[in-house]
Amino acid sequence: MNEFPDRNTSLELLAGHLKSEQMLIHSLSVEAVMTGFCRALTPRISDSPEMWARTGLLHDIDYELTEKDSSRHALVGAEILRSENYPQDIVNAVLAHNGHTEPDSMMAKALIVADALSGLVYAGALMRPDRRASTMNVKSLKKKYKSKGFAAGANRQHIALCEEWLDLTLESAMEIAINSMGAVEESLGLANADNLVTNSDSCPDAAADTSR
């Protein structure tokens, strides 16, 4: 497997391109879910959790650069990642999440699912009295999933692809996402009520489909 920049280097790169707190939170959320997916699928794949984590962390690196021309979203990001010597597998996954190429790997497919599912979990956590993902359960999240008006930007069709693409039931994928985001909820601002994005619409993948 190709080597790639470490997490600290990747975080610095991300912070250099994304200034929005909401987008940074979204990036960390997708990173967490991608890590969880990789670990759950490890018997069937040879990729490292670090590879999947980096893909999730950096998938929207060009979001603010392409905000006025969404057709360029992921194309610019792919060029940034190529210039920073990220593996082509990561570049391909980033391109695929906005439809510029077909998802040709398990990692690319997982990114599309995680991108949407993380937004649903985040929005669900914000609605809880304790504002935590770690205390959420699959049953309550599934009810929100079925409510079309809740976190409308969390693409349900993309979430449902977990069964076809990852061979994970919807319930299993939700449990992985809840546990993965719950484990890092402080870094997502979910554990500290004084440091919260208090409106679920502020989560980019809850209010709008960032895959555009």
N, C-alpha and C. Protein backbone atom coordinates (compact mmCIF):
# COMPACT_ATOMS: atom_id res chain seq x y z
N MET A 1 0.85 -1.20 0.00
CA MET A 1 0.00 0.00 0.00
C MET A 1 0.88 1.25 0.00
N ASN A 2 0.46 2.21 -0.81
CA ASN A 2 1.22 3.44 -0.89
C ASN A 2 1.23 4.16 0.45
N GLU A 3 2.33 4.82 0.74
CA GLU A 3 2.39 5.66 1.93
C GLU A 3 1.66 6.97 1.63
N PHE A 4 1.24 7.63 2.70
CA PHE A 4 0.54 8.89 2.53
C PHE A 4 0.79 9.74 3.76
N PRO A 5 0.56 11.05 3.65
CA PRO A 5 0.83 11.95 4.79
C PRO A 5 0.07 11.53 6.04
N ASP A 6 0.68 11.79 7.20
CA ASP A 6 0.06 11.39 8.46
C ASP A 6 -1.12 12.30 8.80
N ARG A 7 -1.80 11.98 9.89
CA ARG A 7 -3.03 12.70 10.23
C ARG A 7 -2.76 14.17 10.55
N ASN A 8 -1.72 14.45 11.31
CA ASN A 8 -1.43 15.84 11.66
C ASN A 8 -1.17 16.69 10.42
N THR A 9 -0.41 16.13 9.49
CA THR A 9 -0.14 16.83 8.23
C THR A 9 -1.44 17.03 7.46
N SER A 10 -2.29 16.01 7.48
CA SER A 10 -3.56 16.09 6.76
C SER A 10 -4.50 17.11 7.39
N LEU A 11 -4.50 17.18 8.71
CA LEU A 11 -5.32 18.18 9.40
C LEU A 11 -4.86 19.60 9.07
N GLU A 12 -3.56 19.79 9.01
CA GLU A 12 -3.02 21.11 8.64
C GLU A 12 -3.42 21.48 7.22
N LEU A 13 -3.35 20.51 6.33
CA LEU A 13 -3.74 20.75 4.94
C LEU A 13 -5.23 21.11 4.87
N LEU A 14 -6.04 20.37 5.60
CA LEU A 14 -7.48 20.63 5.60
C LEU A 14 -7.78 22.02 6.15
N ALA A 15 -7.15 22.37 7.26
CA ALA A 15 -7.39 23.68 7.88
C ALA A 15 -6.94 24.82 6.98
N GLY A 16 -6.00 24.55 6.10
CA GLY A 16 -5.56 25.58 5.17
C GLY A 16 -6.56 25.87 4.07
N HIS A 17 -7.51 24.95 3.88
CA HIS A 17 -8.49 25.12 2.80
C HIS A 17 -9.92 25.29 3.29
N LEU A 18 -10.21 24.80 4.48
CA LEU A 18 -11.56 24.94 5.04
C LEU A 18 -11.51 25.82 6.28
N LYS A 19 -12.31 26.87 6.29
CA LYS A 19 -12.36 27.77 7.44
C LYS A 19 -13.64 27.61 8.25
N SER A 20 -14.66 27.06 7.63
CA SER A 20 -15.96 26.89 8.28
C SER A 20 -15.88 25.81 9.36
N GLU A 21 -16.31 26.16 10.57
CA GLU A 21 -16.34 25.17 11.65
C GLU A 21 -17.25 24.00 11.29
N GLN A 22 -18.37 24.30 10.65
CA GLN A 22 -19.30 23.24 10.27
C GLN A 22 -18.67 22.26 9.30
N MET A 23 -17.90 22.77 8.34
CA MET A 23 -17.26 21.88 7.37
C MET A 23 -16.16 21.06 8.02
N LEU A 24 -15.45 21.64 8.96
CA LEU A 24 -14.42 20.89 9.67
C LEU A 24 -15.05 19.78 10.50
N ILE A 25 -16.17 20.09 11.16
CA ILE A 25 -16.88 19.08 11.93
C ILE A 25 -17.37 17.95 11.01
N HIS A 26 -17.91 18.33 9.87
CA HIS A 26 -18.37 17.32 8.91
C HIS A 26 -17.21 16.42 8.47
N SER A 27 -16.07 17.02 8.20
CA SER A 27 -14.90 16.25 7.77
C SER A 27 -14.46 15.26 8.84
N LEU A 28 -14.45 15.71 10.09
CA LEU A 28 -14.09 14.82 11.20
C LEU A 28 -15.13 13.73 11.40
N SER A 29 -16.38 14.05 11.15
CA SER A 29 -17.45 13.07 11.28
C SER A 29 -17.30 11.95 10.25
N VAL A 30 -17.04 12.34 9.01
CA VAL A 30 -16.88 11.34 7.95
C VAL A 30 -15.62 10.52 8.19
N GLU A 31 -14.57 11.17 8.68
CA GLU A 31 -13.36 10.44 9.05
C GLU A 31 -13.68 9.34 10.06
N ALA A 32 -14.45 9.67 11.07
CA ALA A 32 -14.78 8.69 12.12
C ALA A 32 -15.58 7.53 11.55
N VAL A 33 -16.58 7.83 10.74
CA VAL A 33 -17.43 6.76 10.19
C VAL A 33 -16.63 5.89 9.22
N MET A 34 -15.78 6.50 8.42
CA MET A 34 -14.95 5.71 7.50
C MET A 34 -14.02 4.78 8.27
N THR A 35 -13.47 5.25 9.37
CA THR A 35 -12.62 4.39 10.20
C THR A 35 -13.42 3.21 10.72
N GLY A 36 -14.63 3.49 11.20
CA GLY A 36 -15.48 2.42 11.71
C GLY A 36 -15.86 1.42 10.64
N PHE A 37 -16.20 1.91 9.45
CA PHE A 37 -16.53 1.01 8.35
C PHE A 37 -15.35 0.11 8.00
N CYS A 38 -14.16 0.69 7.90
CA CYS A 38 -12.98 -0.10 7.53
C CYS A 38 -12.73 -1.21 8.54
N ARG A 39 -12.83 -0.89 9.81
CA ARG A 39 -12.61 -1.91 10.84
C ARG A 39 -13.65 -3.01 10.78
N ALA A 40 -14.89 -2.63 10.48
CA ALA A 40 -15.96 -3.63 10.39
C ALA A 40 -15.78 -4.54 9.18
N LEU A 41 -15.18 -4.00 8.13
CA LEU A 41 -15.03 -4.75 6.88
C LEU A 41 -13.66 -5.39 6.72
N THR A 42 -12.80 -5.23 7.73
CA THR A 42 -11.41 -5.68 7.62
C THR A 42 -11.25 -7.12 7.14
N PRO A 43 -12.08 -8.06 7.56
CA PRO A 43 -11.88 -9.42 7.04
C PRO A 43 -11.98 -9.51 5.53
N ARG A 44 -12.64 -8.52 4.90
CA ARG A 44 -12.89 -8.59 3.46
C ARG A 44 -12.03 -7.64 2.65
N ILE A 45 -11.28 -6.77 3.31
CA ILE A 45 -10.48 -5.78 2.59
C ILE A 45 -9.06 -5.76 3.15
N SER A 46 -8.15 -5.25 2.35
CA SER A 46 -6.75 -5.18 2.78
C SER A 46 -6.30 -3.76 3.11
N ASP A 47 -7.17 -2.78 2.89
CA ASP A 47 -6.82 -1.39 3.19
C ASP A 47 -6.65 -1.19 4.69
N SER A 48 -5.89 -0.18 5.05
CA SER A 48 -5.72 0.17 6.46
C SER A 48 -6.80 1.16 6.88
N PRO A 49 -7.19 1.14 8.16
CA PRO A 49 -8.13 2.15 8.65
C PRO A 49 -7.61 3.57 8.44
N GLU A 50 -6.29 3.74 8.48
CA GLU A 50 -5.71 5.07 8.28
C GLU A 50 -6.00 5.59 6.87
N MET A 51 -5.93 4.70 5.89
CA MET A 51 -6.23 5.09 4.51
C MET A 51 -7.69 5.56 4.38
N TRP A 52 -8.59 4.80 4.95
CA TRP A 52 -10.01 5.17 4.88
C TRP A 52 -10.27 6.45 5.68
N ALA A 53 -9.61 6.56 6.82
CA ALA A 53 -9.78 7.76 7.65
C ALA A 53 -9.34 9.01 6.90
N ARG A 54 -8.20 8.92 6.23
CA ARG A 54 -7.68 10.08 5.51
C ARG A 54 -8.63 10.46 4.37
N THR A 55 -9.21 9.46 3.73
CA THR A 55 -10.17 9.72 2.65
C THR A 55 -11.38 10.48 3.18
N GLY A 56 -11.90 10.03 4.32
CA GLY A 56 -13.04 10.72 4.91
C GLY A 56 -12.70 12.13 5.36
N LEU A 57 -11.53 12.29 5.94
CA LEU A 57 -11.11 13.59 6.46
C LEU A 57 -10.99 14.62 5.35
N LEU A 58 -10.50 14.22 4.20
CA LEU A 58 -10.13 15.17 3.15
C LEU A 58 -11.10 15.23 1.98
N HIS A 59 -12.20 14.49 2.05
CA HIS A 59 -13.06 14.37 0.86
C HIS A 59 -13.67 15.70 0.42
N ASP A 60 -13.87 16.62 1.34
CA ASP A 60 -14.46 17.92 1.00
C ASP A 60 -13.46 19.07 1.11
N ILE A 61 -12.19 18.78 0.92
CA ILE A 61 -11.16 19.80 1.12
C ILE A 61 -11.36 21.03 0.23
N ASP A 62 -12.00 20.85 -0.92
CA ASP A 62 -12.20 21.98 -1.83
C ASP A 62 -13.59 22.59 -1.73
N TYR A 63 -14.35 22.23 -0.72
CA TYR A 63 -15.76 22.65 -0.65
C TYR A 63 -15.91 24.17 -0.74
N GLU A 64 -15.09 24.89 0.01
CA GLU A 64 -15.21 26.35 0.01
C GLU A 64 -14.63 26.96 -1.27
N LEU A 65 -13.65 26.30 -1.85
CA LEU A 65 -13.06 26.79 -3.10
C LEU A 65 -14.02 26.66 -4.27
N THR A 66 -14.93 25.69 -4.18
CA THR A 66 -15.84 25.42 -5.31
C THR A 66 -17.29 25.75 -4.98
N GLU A 67 -17.49 26.50 -3.90
CA GLU A 67 -18.85 26.77 -3.44
C GLU A 67 -19.71 27.46 -4.49
N LYS A 68 -19.09 28.29 -5.32
CA LYS A 68 -19.84 29.02 -6.35
C LYS A 68 -19.95 28.25 -7.66
N ASP A 69 -19.28 27.13 -7.75
CA ASP A 69 -19.35 26.28 -8.95
C ASP A 69 -19.26 24.83 -8.50
N SER A 70 -20.40 24.30 -8.08
CA SER A 70 -20.41 22.96 -7.48
C SER A 70 -19.99 21.87 -8.46
N SER A 71 -20.03 22.14 -9.76
CA SER A 71 -19.60 21.13 -10.73
C SER A 71 -18.10 20.84 -10.61
N ARG A 72 -17.37 21.77 -10.00
CA ARG A 72 -15.92 21.58 -9.83
C ARG A 72 -15.57 20.92 -8.50
N HIS A 73 -16.58 20.74 -7.64
CA HIS A 73 -16.34 20.11 -6.33
C HIS A 73 -15.79 18.71 -6.53
N ALA A 74 -14.73 18.41 -5.83
CA ALA A 74 -13.98 17.14 -5.88
C ALA A 74 -12.92 17.14 -6.99
N LEU A 75 -13.17 17.85 -8.10
CA LEU A 75 -12.13 17.95 -9.12
C LEU A 75 -10.95 18.75 -8.59
N VAL A 76 -11.26 19.89 -7.97
CA VAL A 76 -10.20 20.71 -7.38
C VAL A 76 -9.56 19.97 -6.21
N GLY A 77 -10.39 19.32 -5.41
CA GLY A 77 -9.87 18.55 -4.28
C GLY A 77 -8.92 17.46 -4.73
N ALA A 78 -9.26 16.79 -5.81
CA ALA A 78 -8.40 15.73 -6.33
C ALA A 78 -7.03 16.28 -6.72
N GLU A 79 -7.03 17.45 -7.34
CA GLU A 79 -5.75 18.07 -7.73
C GLU A 79 -4.93 18.45 -6.50
N ILE A 80 -5.59 18.96 -5.47
CA ILE A 80 -4.87 19.29 -4.23
C ILE A 80 -4.22 18.04 -3.65
N LEU A 81 -4.98 16.96 -3.60
CA LEU A 81 -4.47 15.73 -3.00
C LEU A 81 -3.35 15.11 -3.84
N ARG A 82 -3.49 15.19 -5.16
CA ARG A 82 -2.41 14.69 -6.02
C ARG A 82 -1.12 15.48 -5.76
N SER A 83 -1.26 16.79 -5.65
CA SER A 83 -0.08 17.63 -5.46
C SER A 83 0.59 17.39 -4.11
N GLU A 84 -0.17 16.85 -3.16
CA GLU A 84 0.36 16.56 -1.83
C GLU A 84 0.73 15.09 -1.66
N ASN A 85 0.76 14.36 -2.77
CA ASN A 85 1.23 12.97 -2.81
C ASN A 85 0.35 11.98 -2.06
N TYR A 86 -0.97 12.22 -2.12
CA TYR A 86 -1.89 11.21 -1.60
C TYR A 86 -2.08 10.13 -2.66
N PRO A 87 -2.30 8.90 -2.24
CA PRO A 87 -2.44 7.79 -3.20
C PRO A 87 -3.61 7.98 -4.16
N GLN A 88 -3.48 7.40 -5.33
CA GLN A 88 -4.53 7.52 -6.34
C GLN A 88 -5.84 6.92 -5.85
N ASP A 89 -5.78 5.91 -4.99
CA ASP A 89 -7.02 5.33 -4.47
C ASP A 89 -7.83 6.36 -3.69
N ILE A 90 -7.15 7.21 -2.93
CA ILE A 90 -7.85 8.28 -2.20
C ILE A 90 -8.39 9.31 -3.19
N VAL A 91 -7.59 9.69 -4.15
CA VAL A 91 -8.02 10.65 -5.17
C VAL A 91 -9.26 10.14 -5.90
N ASN A 92 -9.24 8.86 -6.29
CA ASN A 92 -10.38 8.29 -7.01
C ASN A 92 -11.65 8.30 -6.16
N ALA A 93 -11.50 7.99 -4.88
CA ALA A 93 -12.67 7.99 -3.99
C ALA A 93 -13.25 9.39 -3.84
N VAL A 94 -12.38 10.38 -3.72
CA VAL A 94 -12.84 11.77 -3.62
C VAL A 94 -13.58 12.18 -4.89
N LEU A 95 -13.04 11.83 -6.04
CA LEU A 95 -13.71 12.14 -7.30
C LEU A 95 -15.08 11.47 -7.39
N ALA A 96 -15.15 10.22 -6.96
CA ALA A 96 -16.39 9.45 -7.08
C ALA A 96 -17.49 9.98 -6.17
N HIS A 97 -17.12 10.58 -5.04
CA HIS A 97 -18.18 10.99 -4.11
C HIS A 97 -19.02 12.14 -4.66
N ASN A 98 -18.51 12.83 -5.68
CA ASN A 98 -19.32 13.86 -6.34
C ASN A 98 -19.66 13.47 -7.77
N GLY A 99 -19.55 12.19 -8.08
CA GLY A 99 -20.02 11.68 -9.35
C GLY A 99 -19.12 11.90 -10.54
N HIS A 100 -17.85 12.28 -10.31
CA HIS A 100 -16.95 12.51 -11.43
C HIS A 100 -16.39 11.22 -12.01
N THR A 101 -16.37 10.17 -11.22
CA THR A 101 -16.02 8.84 -11.69
C THR A 101 -16.94 7.85 -10.98
N GLU A 102 -16.97 6.63 -11.47
CA GLU A 102 -17.72 5.58 -10.78
C GLU A 102 -16.92 5.14 -9.56
N PRO A 103 -17.58 4.84 -8.45
CA PRO A 103 -16.85 4.30 -7.29
C PRO A 103 -16.33 2.91 -7.60
N ASP A 104 -15.02 2.79 -7.76
CA ASP A 104 -14.44 1.54 -8.24
C ASP A 104 -13.75 0.73 -7.15
N SER A 105 -13.97 1.11 -5.91
CA SER A 105 -13.37 0.37 -4.79
C SER A 105 -14.34 0.38 -3.62
N MET A 106 -14.13 -0.54 -2.69
CA MET A 106 -14.96 -0.57 -1.49
C MET A 106 -14.83 0.75 -0.73
N MET A 107 -13.63 1.31 -0.72
CA MET A 107 -13.40 2.57 -0.01
C MET A 107 -14.20 3.70 -0.64
N ALA A 108 -14.23 3.78 -1.96
CA ALA A 108 -14.98 4.83 -2.64
C ALA A 108 -16.47 4.69 -2.37
N LYS A 109 -16.95 3.47 -2.36
CA LYS A 109 -18.37 3.24 -2.08
C LYS A 109 -18.70 3.59 -0.63
N ALA A 110 -17.81 3.21 0.28
CA ALA A 110 -18.03 3.51 1.70
C ALA A 110 -18.07 5.01 1.94
N LEU A 111 -17.27 5.77 1.20
CA LEU A 111 -17.25 7.22 1.38
C LEU A 111 -18.60 7.84 1.05
N ILE A 112 -19.24 7.36 0.00
CA ILE A 112 -20.54 7.90 -0.39
C ILE A 112 -21.57 7.62 0.70
N VAL A 113 -21.52 6.42 1.27
CA VAL A 113 -22.44 6.07 2.36
C VAL A 113 -22.13 6.90 3.60
N ALA A 114 -20.86 6.96 3.97
CA ALA A 114 -20.46 7.67 5.19
C ALA A 114 -20.74 9.16 5.11
N ASP A 115 -20.58 9.73 3.94
CA ASP A 115 -20.81 11.16 3.75
C ASP A 115 -22.24 11.53 4.15
N ALA A 116 -23.18 10.70 3.72
CA ALA A 116 -24.59 10.96 4.03
C ALA A 116 -24.96 10.53 5.45
N LEU A 117 -24.51 9.35 5.84
CA LEU A 117 -24.90 8.81 7.15
C LEU A 117 -24.36 9.64 8.30
N SER A 118 -23.17 10.18 8.15
CA SER A 118 -22.60 11.01 9.22
C SER A 118 -23.46 12.24 9.48
N GLY A 119 -24.03 12.80 8.41
CA GLY A 119 -24.89 13.96 8.57
C GLY A 119 -26.16 13.63 9.32
N LEU A 120 -26.71 12.45 9.07
CA LEU A 120 -27.91 12.02 9.78
C LEU A 120 -27.62 11.82 11.26
N VAL A 121 -26.50 11.18 11.57
CA VAL A 121 -26.13 10.95 12.98
C VAL A 121 -25.89 12.27 13.69
N TYR A 122 -25.18 13.18 13.04
CA TYR A 122 -24.87 14.47 13.67
C TYR A 122 -26.15 15.24 13.96
N ALA A 123 -27.04 15.30 12.98
CA ALA A 123 -28.30 16.01 13.18
C ALA A 123 -29.11 15.36 14.29
N GLY A 124 -29.09 14.02 14.33
CA GLY A 124 -29.81 13.32 15.39
C GLY A 124 -29.25 13.62 16.76
N ALA A 125 -27.93 13.70 16.86
CA ALA A 125 -27.30 14.00 18.15
C ALA A 125 -27.68 15.39 18.64
N LEU A 126 -27.77 16.34 17.72
CA LEU A 126 -28.12 17.71 18.11
C LEU A 126 -29.54 17.81 18.65
N MET A 127 -30.38 16.87 18.29
CA MET A 127 -31.76 16.89 18.76
C MET A 127 -31.93 16.25 20.13
N ARG A 128 -30.90 15.59 20.61
CA ARG A 128 -30.99 14.91 21.90
C ARG A 128 -30.78 15.89 23.05
N PRO A 129 -31.42 15.65 24.20
CA PRO A 129 -31.25 16.56 25.34
C PRO A 129 -29.79 16.72 25.77
N ASP A 130 -29.01 15.63 25.66
CA ASP A 130 -27.60 15.70 26.08
C ASP A 130 -26.66 16.05 24.94
N ARG A 131 -27.22 16.22 23.73
CA ARG A 131 -26.42 16.59 22.55
C ARG A 131 -25.24 15.63 22.32
N ARG A 132 -25.49 14.36 22.48
CA ARG A 132 -24.43 13.36 22.32
C ARG A 132 -24.82 12.32 21.27
N ALA A 133 -23.80 11.84 20.56
CA ALA A 133 -24.01 10.69 19.68
C ALA A 133 -23.90 9.39 20.46
N SER A 134 -23.08 9.38 21.49
CA SER A 134 -22.79 8.14 22.22
C SER A 134 -23.99 7.57 22.95
N THR A 135 -25.00 8.39 23.22
CA THR A 135 -26.19 7.90 23.91
C THR A 135 -27.34 7.61 22.95
N MET A 136 -27.11 7.80 21.69
CA MET A 136 -28.12 7.54 20.67
C MET A 136 -28.25 6.04 20.45
N ASN A 137 -29.40 5.59 20.01
CA ASN A 137 -29.54 4.18 19.65
C ASN A 137 -30.06 4.05 18.22
N VAL A 138 -29.88 2.87 17.67
CA VAL A 138 -30.24 2.65 16.27
C VAL A 138 -31.73 2.86 16.03
N LYS A 139 -32.55 2.42 16.98
CA LYS A 139 -34.00 2.55 16.80
C LYS A 139 -34.42 4.00 16.60
N SER A 140 -33.90 4.90 17.43
CA SER A 140 -34.28 6.31 17.30
C SER A 140 -33.72 6.91 16.02
N LEU A 141 -32.50 6.51 15.64
CA LEU A 141 -31.92 7.04 14.40
C LEU A 141 -32.69 6.55 13.19
N LYS A 142 -33.14 5.31 13.24
CA LYS A 142 -33.88 4.76 12.10
C LYS A 142 -35.21 5.49 11.92
N LYS A 143 -35.84 5.89 13.02
CA LYS A 143 -37.07 6.67 12.92
C LYS A 143 -36.81 8.00 12.22
N LYS A 144 -35.67 8.62 12.55
CA LYS A 144 -35.31 9.89 11.90
C LYS A 144 -34.98 9.66 10.43
N TYR A 145 -34.36 8.54 10.13
CA TYR A 145 -34.04 8.17 8.75
C TYR A 145 -35.31 8.08 7.91
N LYS A 146 -36.37 7.55 8.50
CA LYS A 146 -37.63 7.37 7.77
C LYS A 146 -38.42 8.67 7.65
N SER A 147 -38.06 9.67 8.44
CA SER A 147 -38.73 10.96 8.38
C SER A 147 -38.06 11.83 7.31
N LYS A 148 -38.73 11.99 6.18
CA LYS A 148 -38.13 12.69 5.05
C LYS A 148 -37.80 14.15 5.35
N GLY A 149 -38.52 14.73 6.30
CA GLY A 149 -38.28 16.13 6.62
C GLY A 149 -37.11 16.35 7.55
N PHE A 150 -36.58 15.28 8.14
CA PHE A 150 -35.48 15.42 9.09
C PHE A 150 -34.15 15.30 8.36
N ALA A 151 -33.27 16.28 8.57
CA ALA A 151 -31.94 16.25 7.93
C ALA A 151 -32.08 15.86 6.46
N ALA A 152 -32.88 16.64 5.74
CA ALA A 152 -33.24 16.28 4.37
C ALA A 152 -32.03 16.13 3.45
N GLY A 153 -30.94 16.80 3.77
CA GLY A 153 -29.75 16.71 2.93
C GLY A 153 -28.96 15.44 3.10
N ALA A 154 -29.29 14.65 4.12
CA ALA A 154 -28.61 13.36 4.33
C ALA A 154 -29.26 12.36 3.37
N ASN A 155 -28.64 12.17 2.24
CA ASN A 155 -29.21 11.41 1.13
C ASN A 155 -29.55 9.97 1.54
N ARG A 156 -30.85 9.69 1.63
CA ARG A 156 -31.28 8.35 2.06
C ARG A 156 -30.89 7.27 1.06
N GLN A 157 -30.91 7.60 -0.22
CA GLN A 157 -30.52 6.61 -1.22
C GLN A 157 -29.05 6.22 -1.05
N HIS A 158 -28.22 7.18 -0.75
CA HIS A 158 -26.80 6.88 -0.52
C HIS A 158 -26.61 6.05 0.74
N ILE A 159 -27.35 6.38 1.79
CA ILE A 159 -27.24 5.61 3.04
C ILE A 159 -27.66 4.16 2.80
N ALA A 160 -28.75 3.97 2.06
CA ALA A 160 -29.27 2.62 1.82
C ALA A 160 -28.32 1.75 1.01
N LEU A 161 -27.38 2.36 0.31
CA LEU A 161 -26.41 1.59 -0.48
C LEU A 161 -25.47 0.77 0.40
N CYS A 162 -25.52 0.99 1.71
CA CYS A 162 -24.68 0.18 2.61
C CYS A 162 -24.94 -1.31 2.43
N GLU A 163 -26.17 -1.67 2.09
CA GLU A 163 -26.51 -3.08 1.96
C GLU A 163 -25.93 -3.66 0.68
N GLU A 164 -26.13 -2.97 -0.44
CA GLU A 164 -25.64 -3.46 -1.73
C GLU A 164 -24.13 -3.36 -1.85
N TRP A 165 -23.58 -2.24 -1.42
CA TRP A 165 -22.16 -1.97 -1.64
C TRP A 165 -21.24 -2.53 -0.56
N LEU A 166 -21.68 -2.48 0.68
CA LEU A 166 -20.81 -2.86 1.79
C LEU A 166 -21.23 -4.16 2.46
N ASP A 167 -22.36 -4.70 2.03
CA ASP A 167 -22.91 -5.91 2.65
C ASP A 167 -23.13 -5.72 4.14
N LEU A 168 -23.58 -4.52 4.49
CA LEU A 168 -23.95 -4.19 5.86
C LEU A 168 -25.43 -3.86 5.89
N THR A 169 -26.16 -4.42 6.85
CA THR A 169 -27.55 -4.01 6.99
C THR A 169 -27.60 -2.54 7.38
N LEU A 170 -28.74 -1.92 7.13
CA LEU A 170 -28.90 -0.52 7.51
C LEU A 170 -28.65 -0.34 9.00
N GLU A 171 -29.16 -1.28 9.79
CA GLU A 171 -28.99 -1.19 11.23
C GLU A 171 -27.53 -1.31 11.63
N SER A 172 -26.80 -2.19 10.98
CA SER A 172 -25.37 -2.35 11.28
C SER A 172 -24.59 -1.10 10.92
N ALA A 173 -24.88 -0.54 9.75
CA ALA A 173 -24.19 0.67 9.32
C ALA A 173 -24.48 1.82 10.28
N MET A 174 -25.71 1.93 10.72
CA MET A 174 -26.07 2.98 11.67
C MET A 174 -25.36 2.78 13.00
N GLU A 175 -25.29 1.55 13.46
CA GLU A 175 -24.61 1.28 14.73
C GLU A 175 -23.13 1.64 14.65
N ILE A 176 -22.50 1.29 13.53
CA ILE A 176 -21.09 1.63 13.34
C ILE A 176 -20.91 3.15 13.35
N ALA A 177 -21.78 3.86 12.65
CA ALA A 177 -21.67 5.32 12.58
C ALA A 177 -21.89 5.96 13.94
N ILE A 178 -22.90 5.50 14.67
CA ILE A 178 -23.17 6.04 16.00
C ILE A 178 -21.97 5.82 16.92
N ASN A 179 -21.47 4.59 16.95
CA ASN A 179 -20.34 4.27 17.84
C ASN A 179 -19.08 5.04 17.44
N SER A 180 -18.84 5.15 16.15
CA SER A 180 -17.63 5.82 15.66
C SER A 180 -17.66 7.31 15.98
N MET A 181 -18.79 7.95 15.74
CA MET A 181 -18.90 9.38 16.04
C MET A 181 -19.01 9.62 17.54
N GLY A 182 -19.65 8.70 18.24
CA GLY A 182 -19.74 8.83 19.69
C GLY A 182 -18.38 8.78 20.36
N ALA A 183 -17.47 8.00 19.78
CA ALA A 183 -16.14 7.86 20.36
C ALA A 183 -15.32 9.14 20.25
N VAL A 184 -15.68 10.01 19.31
CA VAL A 184 -14.93 11.26 19.11
C VAL A 184 -15.84 12.48 19.25
N GLU A 185 -16.95 12.33 19.96
CA GLU A 185 -17.95 13.39 19.99
C GLU A 185 -17.44 14.71 20.55
N GLU A 186 -16.46 14.66 21.43
CA GLU A 186 -15.92 15.92 21.95
C GLU A 186 -15.27 16.73 20.84
N SER A 187 -14.57 16.05 19.94
CA SER A 187 -13.92 16.77 18.84
C SER A 187 -14.95 17.29 17.84
N LEU A 188 -16.16 16.75 17.90
CA LEU A 188 -17.24 17.21 17.02
C LEU A 188 -18.09 18.29 17.68
N GLY A 189 -17.72 18.68 18.90
CA GLY A 189 -18.48 19.69 19.62
C GLY A 189 -19.77 19.18 20.21
N LEU A 190 -19.96 17.86 20.22
CA LEU A 190 -21.23 17.30 20.68
C LEU A 190 -21.29 17.08 22.18
N ALA A 191 -20.15 17.03 22.84
CA ALA A 191 -20.15 16.72 24.28
C ALA A 191 -20.14 17.97 25.14
N ASN A 192 -19.92 19.11 24.54
CA ASN A 192 -19.83 20.36 25.29
C ASN A 192 -20.92 21.30 24.82
N ALA A 193 -21.94 21.44 25.64
CA ALA A 193 -23.11 22.25 25.24
C ALA A 193 -22.75 23.70 24.99
N ASP A 194 -21.63 24.17 25.53
CA ASP A 194 -21.23 25.56 25.33
C ASP A 194 -20.48 25.77 24.02
N ASN A 195 -20.17 24.65 23.34
CA ASN A 195 -19.37 24.74 22.12
C ASN A 195 -20.07 23.99 20.99
N LEU A 196 -21.38 24.23 20.88
CA LEU A 196 -22.18 23.46 19.95
C LEU A 196 -22.66 24.28 18.78
N VAL A 197 -22.71 23.63 17.63
CA VAL A 197 -23.51 24.13 16.53
C VAL A 197 -24.93 23.68 16.87
N THR A 198 -25.77 24.60 17.33
CA THR A 198 -27.02 24.18 17.95
C THR A 198 -28.16 23.93 16.97
N ASN A 199 -27.98 24.26 15.72
CA ASN A 199 -29.02 24.04 14.73
C ASN A 199 -28.58 22.92 13.81
N SER A 200 -29.39 21.87 13.67
CA SER A 200 -29.01 20.75 12.82
C SER A 200 -28.82 21.18 11.38
N ASP A 201 -29.46 22.28 10.96
CA ASP A 201 -29.28 22.75 9.60
C ASP A 201 -27.88 23.27 9.35
N SER A 202 -27.11 23.49 10.41
CA SER A 202 -25.73 23.96 10.24
C SER A 202 -24.79 22.84 9.87
N CYS A 203 -25.24 21.61 10.01
CA CYS A 203 -24.42 20.48 9.57
C CYS A 203 -24.59 20.35 8.08
N PRO A 204 -23.53 20.49 7.28
CA PRO A 204 -23.67 20.55 5.84
C PRO A 204 -24.36 19.35 5.23
N ASP A 205 -24.14 18.16 5.77
CA ASP A 205 -24.79 17.02 5.17
C ASP A 205 -26.13 16.73 5.80
N ALA A 206 -26.55 17.57 6.73
CA ALA A 206 -27.91 17.49 7.24
C ALA A 206 -28.81 18.47 6.50
N ALA A 207 -28.26 19.64 6.20
CA ALA A 207 -29.06 20.67 5.54
C ALA A 207 -29.00 20.56 4.04
N ALA A 208 -27.86 20.15 3.51
CA ALA A 208 -27.69 20.09 2.07
C ALA A 208 -26.76 18.95 1.73
N ASP A 209 -26.94 18.41 0.54
CA ASP A 209 -26.13 17.28 0.11
C ASP A 209 -24.77 17.79 -0.34
N THR A 210 -23.73 17.55 0.46
CA THR A 210 -22.41 18.07 0.11
C THR A 210 -21.80 17.35 -1.07
N SER A 211 -22.36 16.20 -1.44
CA SER A 211 -21.84 15.53 -2.63
C SER A 211 -22.23 16.28 -3.90
N ARG A 212 -23.25 17.09 -3.79
CA ARG A 212 -23.74 17.94 -4.88
C ARG A 212 -23.73 17.20 -6.20
